[in-house]
C-alpha atoms as a PDB file:
ATOM      1  CA  UNK A   1      93.134  86.355  78.388  1.00  0.00           C
ATOM      2  CA  UNK A   2      91.412  83.803  76.313  1.00  0.00           C
ATOM      3  CA  UNK A   3      91.993  84.926  72.704  1.00  0.00           C
ATOM      4  CA  UNK A   4      94.489  87.048  70.848  1.00  0.00           C
ATOM      5  CA  UNK A   5      92.134  89.275  68.878  1.00  0.00           C
ATOM      6  CA  UNK A   6      90.069  90.609  71.799  1.00  0.00           C
ATOM      7  CA  UNK A   7      93.312  91.182  73.702  1.00  0.00           C
ATOM      8  CA  UNK A   8      94.747  93.267  70.873  1.00  0.00           C
ATOM      9  CA  UNK A   9      91.551  95.321  70.611  1.00  0.00           C
ATOM     10  CA  UNK A  10      91.401  95.934  74.332  1.00  0.00           C
ATOM     11  CA  UNK A  11      95.089  96.824  74.431  1.00  0.00           C
ATOM     12  CA  UNK A  12      94.557  99.447  71.744  1.00  0.00           C
ATOM     13  CA  UNK A  13      91.563 100.787  73.582  1.00  0.00           C
ATOM     14  CA  UNK A  14      93.680 100.925  76.785  1.00  0.00           C
ATOM     15  CA  UNK A  15      96.485 102.760  75.140  1.00  0.00           C
ATOM     16  CA  UNK A  16      94.189 105.352  73.439  1.00  0.00           C
ATOM     17  CA  UNK A  17      92.122 105.858  76.511  1.00  0.00           C
ATOM     18  CA  UNK A  18      95.234 106.296  78.735  1.00  0.00           C
ATOM     19  CA  UNK A  19      96.724 108.727  76.373  1.00  0.00           C
ATOM     20  CA  UNK A  20      93.566 110.826  76.591  1.00  0.00           C
ATOM     21  CA  UNK A  21      93.500 110.537  80.347  1.00  0.00           C
ATOM     22  CA  UNK A  22      97.103 111.432  80.794  1.00  0.00           C
ATOM     23  CA  UNK A  23      96.618 114.468  78.482  1.00  0.00           C
ATOM     24  CA  UNK A  24      93.549 115.760  80.298  1.00  0.00           C
ATOM     25  CA  UNK A  25      94.249 114.848  83.904  1.00  0.00           C
ATOM     26  CA  UNK A  26      97.005 115.864  86.193  1.00  0.00           C
ATOM     27  CA  UNK A  27      98.216 113.401  88.772  1.00  0.00           C
ATOM     28  CA  UNK A  28      95.885 113.608  91.795  1.00  0.00           C
ATOM     29  CA  UNK A  29      96.958 115.068  95.075  1.00  0.00           C
ATOM     30  CA  UNK A  30      95.850 112.531  97.583  1.00  0.00           C
ATOM     31  CA  UNK A  31      95.274 113.193 101.263  1.00  0.00           C
ATOM     32  CA  UNK A  32      96.242 116.857 100.886  1.00  0.00           C
ATOM     33  CA  UNK A  33      99.869 115.935 100.418  1.00  0.00           C
ATOM     34  CA  UNK A  34     101.831 117.158  97.358  1.00  0.00           C
ATOM     35  CA  UNK A  35     105.589 116.594  96.954  1.00  0.00           C
ATOM     36  CA  UNK A  36     107.590 117.929  94.030  1.00  0.00           C
ATOM     37  CA  UNK A  37     109.476 115.338  92.044  1.00  0.00           C
ATOM     38  CA  UNK A  38     111.754 114.869  89.026  1.00  0.00           C
ATOM     39  CA  UNK A  39     111.378 112.215  86.455  1.00  0.00           C
ATOM     40  CA  UNK A  40     113.787 110.362  84.054  1.00  0.00           C
ATOM     41  CA  UNK A  41     112.829 108.269  81.120  1.00  0.00           C
ATOM     42  CA  UNK A  42     114.410 105.085  79.802  1.00  0.00           C
ATOM     43  CA  UNK A  43     116.865 104.434  82.652  1.00  0.00           C
ATOM     44  CA  UNK A  44     118.593 101.084  81.895  1.00  0.00           C
ATOM     45  CA  UNK A  45     118.575  99.064  85.140  1.00  0.00           C
ATOM     46  CA  UNK A  46     119.958  95.747  83.906  1.00  0.00           C
ATOM     47  CA  UNK A  47     123.622  94.768  84.194  1.00  0.00           C
ATOM     48  CA  UNK A  48     125.752  94.350  81.120  1.00  0.00           C
ATOM     49  CA  UNK A  49     125.552  90.537  81.488  1.00  0.00           C
ATOM     50  CA  UNK A  50     121.769  90.539  81.593  1.00  0.00           C
ATOM     51  CA  UNK A  51     120.130  88.589  78.664  1.00  0.00           C
ATOM     52  CA  UNK A  52     118.475  91.726  77.360  1.00  0.00           C
ATOM     53  CA  UNK A  53     118.745  95.425  78.261  1.00  0.00           C
ATOM     54  CA  UNK A  54     115.637  96.719  80.101  1.00  0.00           C
ATOM     55  CA  UNK A  55     114.683 100.288  80.917  1.00  0.00           C
ATOM     56  CA  UNK A  56     112.381 101.997  83.397  1.00  0.00           C
ATOM     57  CA  UNK A  57     111.087 105.540  84.003  1.00  0.00           C
ATOM     58  CA  UNK A  58     111.922 106.911  87.433  1.00  0.00           C
ATOM     59  CA  UNK A  59     110.155 109.453  89.608  1.00  0.00           C
ATOM     60  CA  UNK A  60     112.201 110.918  92.424  1.00  0.00           C
ATOM     61  CA  UNK A  61     110.389 113.059  95.009  1.00  0.00           C
ATOM     62  CA  UNK A  62     112.158 116.076  96.601  1.00  0.00           C
ATOM     63  CA  UNK A  63     113.163 114.976 100.162  1.00  0.00           C
ATOM     64  CA  UNK A  64     116.014 115.551 102.530  1.00  0.00           C
ATOM     65  CA  UNK A  65     115.547 112.112 103.912  1.00  0.00           C
ATOM     66  CA  UNK A  66     115.564 108.682 102.159  1.00  0.00           C
ATOM     67  CA  UNK A  67     112.070 107.905 100.866  1.00  0.00           C
ATOM     68  CA  UNK A  68     110.107 104.654 100.570  1.00  0.00           C
ATOM     69  CA  UNK A  69     109.975 103.258  97.109  1.00  0.00           C
ATOM     70  CA  UNK A  70     107.668 101.436  94.667  1.00  0.00           C
ATOM     71  CA  UNK A  71     108.541  99.122  91.861  1.00  0.00           C
ATOM     72  CA  UNK A  72     105.547  99.773  89.481  1.00  0.00           C
ATOM     73  CA  UNK A  73     104.826  97.055  86.856  1.00  0.00           C
ATOM     74  CA  UNK A  74     102.696  97.301  83.816  1.00  0.00           C
ATOM     75  CA  UNK A  75     100.275  94.684  82.442  1.00  0.00           C
ATOM     76  CA  UNK A  76      99.476  93.537  78.943  1.00  0.00           C
ATOM     77  CA  UNK A  77      99.327  89.736  79.083  1.00  0.00           C
ATOM     78  CA  UNK A  78     103.162  89.508  79.492  1.00  0.00           C
ATOM     79  CA  UNK A  79     103.573  90.366  75.840  1.00  0.00           C
ATOM     80  CA  UNK A  80     102.500  93.933  75.213  1.00  0.00           C
ATOM     81  CA  UNK A  81     105.472  96.359  74.473  1.00  0.00           C
ATOM     82  CA  UNK A  82     103.516  99.579  74.733  1.00  0.00           C
ATOM     83  CA  UNK A  83     102.227  99.688  78.234  1.00  0.00           C
ATOM     84  CA  UNK A  84     104.628 101.721  80.436  1.00  0.00           C
ATOM     85  CA  UNK A  85     102.719 104.910  79.711  1.00  0.00           C
ATOM     86  CA  UNK A  86      99.462 103.453  81.125  1.00  0.00           C
ATOM     87  CA  UNK A  87     101.105 103.357  84.568  1.00  0.00           C
ATOM     88  CA  UNK A  88     102.328 106.993  84.501  1.00  0.00           C
ATOM     89  CA  UNK A  89      99.272 108.463  86.256  1.00  0.00           C
ATOM     90  CA  UNK A  90      99.793 106.038  89.221  1.00  0.00           C
ATOM     91  CA  UNK A  91     103.490 106.759  89.211  1.00  0.00           C
ATOM     92  CA  UNK A  92     102.848 110.541  89.494  1.00  0.00           C
ATOM     93  CA  UNK A  93     100.333 109.992  92.264  1.00  0.00           C
ATOM     94  CA  UNK A  94     102.856 107.946  94.192  1.00  0.00           C
ATOM     95  CA  UNK A  95     105.668 110.410  93.652  1.00  0.00           C
ATOM     96  CA  UNK A  96     103.469 113.328  94.810  1.00  0.00           C
ATOM     97  CA  UNK A  97     102.840 111.313  97.911  1.00  0.00           C
ATOM     98  CA  UNK A  98     106.573 111.051  98.533  1.00  0.00           C
ATOM     99  CA  UNK A  99     107.431 107.695  97.088  1.00  0.00           C
ATOM    100  CA  UNK A 100     110.307 107.037  94.707  1.00  0.00           C
ATOM    101  CA  UNK A 101     108.885 105.173  91.769  1.00  0.00           C
ATOM    102  CA  UNK A 102     110.563 102.884  89.221  1.00  0.00           C
ATOM    103  CA  UNK A 103     107.949 102.343  86.403  1.00  0.00           C
ATOM    104  CA  UNK A 104     109.496  99.312  84.767  1.00  0.00           C
ATOM    105  CA  UNK A 105     109.137  96.863  81.971  1.00  0.00           C
ATOM    106  CA  UNK A 106     110.358  93.254  81.611  1.00  0.00           C
ATOM    107  CA  UNK A 107     111.133  90.649  78.932  1.00  0.00           C
ATOM    108  CA  UNK A 108     108.053  89.735  76.959  1.00  0.00           C
ATOM    109  CA  UNK A 109     106.568  86.629  75.501  1.00  0.00           C
ATOM    110  CA  UNK A 110     106.753  84.895  73.060  1.00  0.00           C
ATOM    111  CA  UNK A 111     110.480  85.559  72.939  1.00  0.00           C
ATOM    112  CA  UNK A 112     110.978  85.034  76.631  1.00  0.00           C
ATOM    113  CA  UNK A 113     109.315  82.519  78.857  1.00  0.00           C
ATOM    114  CA  UNK A 114     108.894  82.362  82.590  1.00  0.00           C
ATOM    115  CA  UNK A 115     110.757  82.753  84.860  1.00  0.00           C
ATOM    116  CA  UNK A 116     112.494  85.513  82.750  1.00  0.00           C
ATOM    117  CA  UNK A 117     109.831  88.088  83.860  1.00  0.00           C
ATOM    118  CA  UNK A 118     110.222  87.293  87.571  1.00  0.00           C
ATOM    119  CA  UNK A 119     113.974  87.434  87.280  1.00  0.00           C
ATOM    120  CA  UNK A 120     113.675  90.908  85.725  1.00  0.00           C
ATOM    121  CA  UNK A 121     111.723  92.128  88.668  1.00  0.00           C
ATOM    122  CA  UNK A 122     114.444  90.730  90.998  1.00  0.00           C
ATOM    123  CA  UNK A 123     117.020  92.608  88.946  1.00  0.00           C
ATOM    124  CA  UNK A 124     114.976  95.821  89.182  1.00  0.00           C
ATOM    125  CA  UNK A 125     114.763  95.448  92.947  1.00  0.00           C
ATOM    126  CA  UNK A 126     118.524  94.888  93.096  1.00  0.00           C
ATOM    127  CA  UNK A 127     119.134  98.004  91.090  1.00  0.00           C
ATOM    128  CA  UNK A 128     116.971 100.073  93.439  1.00  0.00           C
ATOM    129  CA  UNK A 129     118.902  98.819  96.451  1.00  0.00           C
ATOM    130  CA  UNK A 130     122.343  99.022  94.788  1.00  0.00           C
ATOM    131  CA  UNK A 131     121.633 102.672  93.906  1.00  0.00           C
ATOM    132  CA  UNK A 132     119.641 103.534  97.009  1.00  0.00           C
ATOM    133  CA  UNK A 133     122.003 106.370  98.039  1.00  0.00           C
ATOM    134  CA  UNK A 134     121.852 108.091  94.587  1.00  0.00           C
ATOM    135  CA  UNK A 135     118.120 107.542  94.363  1.00  0.00           C
ATOM    136  CA  UNK A 136     117.549 108.599  97.980  1.00  0.00           C
ATOM    137  CA  UNK A 137     115.667 105.407  98.722  1.00  0.00           C
ATOM    138  CA  UNK A 138     115.248 103.704 102.073  1.00  0.00           C
ATOM    139  CA  UNK A 139     116.283 100.191 100.817  1.00  0.00           C
ATOM    140  CA  UNK A 140     114.316  98.436 103.645  1.00  0.00           C
ATOM    141  CA  UNK A 141     111.079 100.118 102.604  1.00  0.00           C
ATOM    142  CA  UNK A 142     110.288  98.955  99.091  1.00  0.00           C
ATOM    143  CA  UNK A 143     106.932  97.803  97.716  1.00  0.00           C
ATOM    144  CA  UNK A 144     105.736  96.264  94.490  1.00  0.00           C
ATOM    145  CA  UNK A 145     102.695  97.520  92.678  1.00  0.00           C
ATOM    146  CA  UNK A 146     101.104  96.245  89.399  1.00  0.00           C
ATOM    147  CA  UNK A 147      98.025  95.674  87.403  1.00  0.00           C
ATOM    148  CA  UNK A 148      96.983  92.583  85.465  1.00  0.00           C
ATOM    149  CA  UNK A 149     100.112  90.747  84.354  1.00  0.00           C
ATOM    150  CA  UNK A 150     101.987  93.482  86.252  1.00  0.00           C
ATOM    151  CA  UNK A 151      99.982  92.645  89.435  1.00  0.00           C
ATOM    152  CA  UNK A 152     100.847  88.956  88.886  1.00  0.00           C
ATOM    153  CA  UNK A 153     104.615  89.886  88.730  1.00  0.00           C
ATOM    154  CA  UNK A 154     104.228  92.306  91.629  1.00  0.00           C
ATOM    155  CA  UNK A 155     102.793  89.504  93.726  1.00  0.00           C
ATOM    156  CA  UNK A 156     105.418  87.001  92.701  1.00  0.00           C
ATOM    157  CA  UNK A 157     108.267  89.408  93.498  1.00  0.00           C
ATOM    158  CA  UNK A 158     106.733  90.456  96.760  1.00  0.00           C
ATOM    159  CA  UNK A 159     106.075  86.979  98.025  1.00  0.00           C
ATOM    160  CA  UNK A 160     109.651  85.810  97.352  1.00  0.00           C
ATOM    161  CA  UNK A 161     111.344  86.256 100.675  1.00  0.00           C
ATOM    162  CA  UNK A 162     114.799  86.884  99.223  1.00  0.00           C
ATOM    163  CA  UNK A 163     113.433  90.091  97.652  1.00  0.00           C
ATOM    164  CA  UNK A 164     112.583  91.517 101.074  1.00  0.00           C
ATOM    165  CA  UNK A 165     109.612  93.477  99.814  1.00  0.00           C
ATOM    166  CA  UNK A 166     107.573  95.189 102.540  1.00  0.00           C
ATOM    167  CA  UNK A 167     104.194  95.583 100.874  1.00  0.00           C
ATOM    168  CA  UNK A 168     102.369  94.404  97.751  1.00  0.00           C
ATOM    169  CA  UNK A 169      99.641  96.079  95.623  1.00  0.00           C
ATOM    170  CA  UNK A 170      98.099  93.759  93.130  1.00  0.00           C
ATOM    171  CA  UNK A 171      95.296  94.972  90.854  1.00  0.00           C
ATOM    172  CA  UNK A 172      93.425  92.701  88.435  1.00  0.00           C
ATOM    173  CA  UNK A 173      96.078  90.131  89.090  1.00  0.00           C
ATOM    174  CA  UNK A 174      96.122  86.414  88.017  1.00  0.00           C
ATOM    175  CA  UNK A 175      96.750  84.418  91.154  1.00  0.00           C
ATOM    176  CA  UNK A 176      96.501  80.826  89.951  1.00  0.00           C
ATOM    177  CA  UNK A 177      97.515  80.219  86.350  1.00  0.00           C
ATOM    178  CA  UNK A 178      96.005  76.669  86.396  1.00  0.00           C
ATOM    179  CA  UNK A 179      92.700  78.458  86.049  1.00  0.00           C
ATOM    180  CA  UNK A 180      93.689  78.817  82.437  1.00  0.00           C
ATOM    181  CA  UNK A 181      94.742  75.216  81.464  1.00  0.00           C
ATOM    182  CA  UNK A 182      94.597  76.003  77.758  1.00  0.00           C
ATOM    183  CA  UNK A 183      95.019  79.794  77.755  1.00  0.00           C
ATOM    184  CA  UNK A 184      96.847  81.369  74.801  1.00  0.00           C
ATOM    185  CA  UNK A 185      98.750  83.905  76.860  1.00  0.00           C
ATOM    186  CA  UNK A 186      99.604  81.542  79.692  1.00  0.00           C
ATOM    187  CA  UNK A 187     100.740  79.038  77.051  1.00  0.00           C
ATOM    188  CA  UNK A 188     103.077  81.659  75.659  1.00  0.00           C
ATOM    189  CA  UNK A 189     104.365  82.448  79.101  1.00  0.00           C
ATOM    190  CA  UNK A 190     104.741  78.871  80.340  1.00  0.00           C
ATOM    191  CA  UNK A 191     105.532  76.970  77.186  1.00  0.00           C
ATOM    192  CA  UNK A 192     102.216  75.221  76.607  1.00  0.00           C
ATOM    193  CA  UNK A 193      98.932  74.091  78.189  1.00  0.00           C
ATOM    194  CA  UNK A 194      98.709  72.964  81.795  1.00  0.00           C
ATOM    195  CA  UNK A 195      98.724  69.171  80.970  1.00  0.00           C
ATOM    196  CA  UNK A 196     102.252  67.978  81.558  1.00  0.00           C
ATOM    197  CA  UNK A 197     103.435  71.339  82.810  1.00  0.00           C
ATOM    198  CA  UNK A 198     101.706  71.446  86.168  1.00  0.00           C
ATOM    199  CA  UNK A 199     105.012  72.165  88.043  1.00  0.00           C
ATOM    200  CA  UNK A 200     105.725  75.374  86.186  1.00  0.00           C
ATOM    201  CA  UNK A 201     102.102  76.463  86.428  1.00  0.00           C
ATOM    202  CA  UNK A 202     102.422  76.169  90.194  1.00  0.00           C
ATOM    203  CA  UNK A 203     105.808  77.909  90.198  1.00  0.00           C
ATOM    204  CA  UNK A 204     104.265  80.862  88.205  1.00  0.00           C
ATOM    205  CA  UNK A 205     101.210  81.212  90.428  1.00  0.00           C
ATOM    206  CA  UNK A 206     101.412  83.754  93.330  1.00  0.00           C
ATOM    207  CA  UNK A 207      98.945  81.748  95.441  1.00  0.00           C
ATOM    208  CA  UNK A 208     101.612  79.033  95.727  1.00  0.00           C
ATOM    209  CA  UNK A 209     103.907  81.270  97.773  1.00  0.00           C
ATOM    210  CA  UNK A 210     101.611  82.714 100.403  1.00  0.00           C
ATOM    211  CA  UNK A 211     103.062  82.039 103.914  1.00  0.00           C
ATOM    212  CA  UNK A 212     102.261  83.344 107.357  1.00  0.00           C
ATOM    213  CA  UNK A 213     105.180  85.745 107.180  1.00  0.00           C
ATOM    214  CA  UNK A 214     104.227  87.127 103.721  1.00  0.00           C
ATOM    215  CA  UNK A 215     104.129  90.933 103.456  1.00  0.00           C
ATOM    216  CA  UNK A 216     100.895  92.867 103.710  1.00  0.00           C
ATOM    217  CA  UNK A 217      98.884  92.801 100.424  1.00  0.00           C
ATOM    218  CA  UNK A 218      96.325  95.157  98.959  1.00  0.00           C
ATOM    219  CA  UNK A 219      94.173  93.632  96.243  1.00  0.00           C
ATOM    220  CA  UNK A 220      91.763  95.518  93.926  1.00  0.00           C
ATOM    221  CA  UNK A 221      89.698  93.910  91.230  1.00  0.00           C
ATOM    222  CA  UNK A 222      86.652  94.599  89.112  1.00  0.00           C
ATOM    223  CA  UNK A 223      83.524  92.619  89.965  1.00  0.00           C
ATOM    224  CA  UNK A 224      82.727  92.214  86.242  1.00  0.00           C
ATOM    225  CA  UNK A 225      86.208  91.233  85.127  1.00  0.00           C
ATOM    226  CA  UNK A 226      85.972  88.452  82.595  1.00  0.00           C
ATOM    227  CA  UNK A 227      89.606  88.625  81.390  1.00  0.00           C
ATOM    228  CA  UNK A 228      90.947  87.820  84.857  1.00  0.00           C
ATOM    229  CA  UNK A 229      87.874  86.346  86.541  1.00  0.00           C
ATOM    230  CA  UNK A 230      87.039  86.955  90.207  1.00  0.00           C
ATOM    231  CA  UNK A 231      88.073  83.409  91.047  1.00  0.00           C
ATOM    232  CA  UNK A 232      91.611  84.674  90.917  1.00  0.00           C
ATOM    233  CA  UNK A 233      91.428  87.315  93.644  1.00  0.00           C
ATOM    234  CA  UNK A 234      89.111  84.984  95.645  1.00  0.00           C
ATOM    235  CA  UNK A 235      91.666  82.230  95.573  1.00  0.00           C
ATOM    236  CA  UNK A 236      94.348  84.678  96.603  1.00  0.00           C
ATOM    237  CA  UNK A 237      92.224  86.072  99.451  1.00  0.00           C
ATOM    238  CA  UNK A 238      91.478  82.580 100.661  1.00  0.00           C
ATOM    239  CA  UNK A 239      95.150  81.769 100.855  1.00  0.00           C
ATOM    240  CA  UNK A 240      95.909  85.036 102.692  1.00  0.00           C
ATOM    241  CA  UNK A 241      93.154  84.363 105.179  1.00  0.00           C
ATOM    242  CA  UNK A 242      94.247  80.757 105.728  1.00  0.00           C
ATOM    243  CA  UNK A 243      97.832  81.970 106.600  1.00  0.00           C
ATOM    244  CA  UNK A 244      96.758  85.069 108.575  1.00  0.00           C
ATOM    245  CA  UNK A 245      98.375  87.515 106.163  1.00  0.00           C
ATOM    246  CA  UNK A 246      97.484  91.206 106.661  1.00  0.00           C
ATOM    247  CA  UNK A 247      95.459  92.294 103.602  1.00  0.00           C
ATOM    248  CA  UNK A 248      92.826  94.604 102.298  1.00  0.00           C
ATOM    249  CA  UNK A 249      90.515  94.082  99.343  1.00  0.00           C
ATOM    250  CA  UNK A 250      88.846  96.785  97.224  1.00  0.00           C
ATOM    251  CA  UNK A 251      86.179  95.595  94.826  1.00  0.00           C
ATOM    252  CA  UNK A 252      85.429  97.963  91.857  1.00  0.00           C
ATOM    253  CA  UNK A 253      81.741  97.383  91.461  1.00  0.00           C
ATOM    254  CA  UNK A 254      80.392  96.639  87.976  1.00  0.00           C
ATOM    255  CA  UNK A 255      83.574  97.240  86.073  1.00  0.00           C
ATOM    256  CA  UNK A 256      85.493  95.070  83.612  1.00  0.00           C
ATOM    257  CA  UNK A 257      89.251  94.404  83.572  1.00  0.00           C
ATOM    258  CA  UNK A 258      90.158  97.308  81.349  1.00  0.00           C
ATOM    259  CA  UNK A 259      87.662  99.772  82.886  1.00  0.00           C
ATOM    260  CA  UNK A 260      88.858  98.799  86.371  1.00  0.00           C
ATOM    261  CA  UNK A 261      92.319 100.020  85.312  1.00  0.00           C
ATOM    262  CA  UNK A 262      91.224 103.142  83.542  1.00  0.00           C
ATOM    263  CA  UNK A 263      88.534 104.158  85.979  1.00  0.00           C
ATOM    264  CA  UNK A 264      89.488 102.531  89.304  1.00  0.00           C
ATOM    265  CA  UNK A 265      87.079 104.454  91.540  1.00  0.00           C
ATOM    266  CA  UNK A 266      88.900 104.939  94.882  1.00  0.00           C
ATOM    267  CA  UNK A 267      91.294 101.957  94.527  1.00  0.00           C
ATOM    268  CA  UNK A 268      94.473 103.839  93.844  1.00  0.00           C
ATOM    269  CA  UNK A 269      93.991 106.305  96.872  1.00  0.00           C
ATOM    270  CA  UNK A 270      93.169 103.362  99.009  1.00  0.00           C
ATOM    271  CA  UNK A 271      96.151 101.458  97.808  1.00  0.00           C
ATOM    272  CA  UNK A 272      98.426 104.408  98.541  1.00  0.00           C
ATOM    273  CA  UNK A 273      96.945 104.750 102.018  1.00  0.00           C
ATOM    274  CA  UNK A 274      97.692 101.123 102.494  1.00  0.00           C
ATOM    275  CA  UNK A 275     101.356 101.686 101.463  1.00  0.00           C
ATOM    276  CA  UNK A 276     101.548 104.598 103.940  1.00  0.00           C
ATOM    277  CA  UNK A 277     100.404 102.309 106.757  1.00  0.00           C
ATOM    278  CA  UNK A 278     102.862  99.544 105.931  1.00  0.00           C
ATOM    279  CA  UNK A 279     105.923 101.448 104.620  1.00  0.00           C
END
């Protein structure tokens, strides 16, 4: 997240690789459980008064009883418009496991600055609860799940008590944005470098909001990640340990930020097991 050109190249690589993977791989059946589901694309979840219309893809498992639900959030440095497809494989795995999934997007930089993105996640959660009967959701059993910038937003949404999120999965997630005092992408998100904007950098950092009653959190991260260096999950883990928050950590050995997303070893099955235990 240090320069625009490498980010664009890596984003293109991610989109191409994900398209290949989605075309060649079916969603995994995890733990011997496979549930039929139906999907809908481009479901607008924002109200008419929202600053910009936003859409999500939904995956609804076949179930006679209300199901737990996951708000799934894409990455892309808070500014990449073509990223919902890269979460489809995770969405399908979750739906096959019996979770309703809302694979969402949010307002992007540079047109929209923080806290617009966090507000969009709150709106998505409100939509899920407002339509819980139609969607067959158990509104008290909702988790957030994201990777990279999506992991950052999943953590922010989940750590906000008013959102009543039960569990968080944060992969490759920035936890303390002050680690990038002059970062290009954080500057676009927060309106400039850290100097003079310390307050909003704190407000946009998940580590700020860890409390003893925070929901359980599953963290996964590549040990060779240089885009979101390991100091981010380590700071997050330290805060969770300090406050006694239930958490699990899965390190993806030897893999970079992009490769940890595309080839995440056993991280996704482990994350879904964690959701099972806590939802």
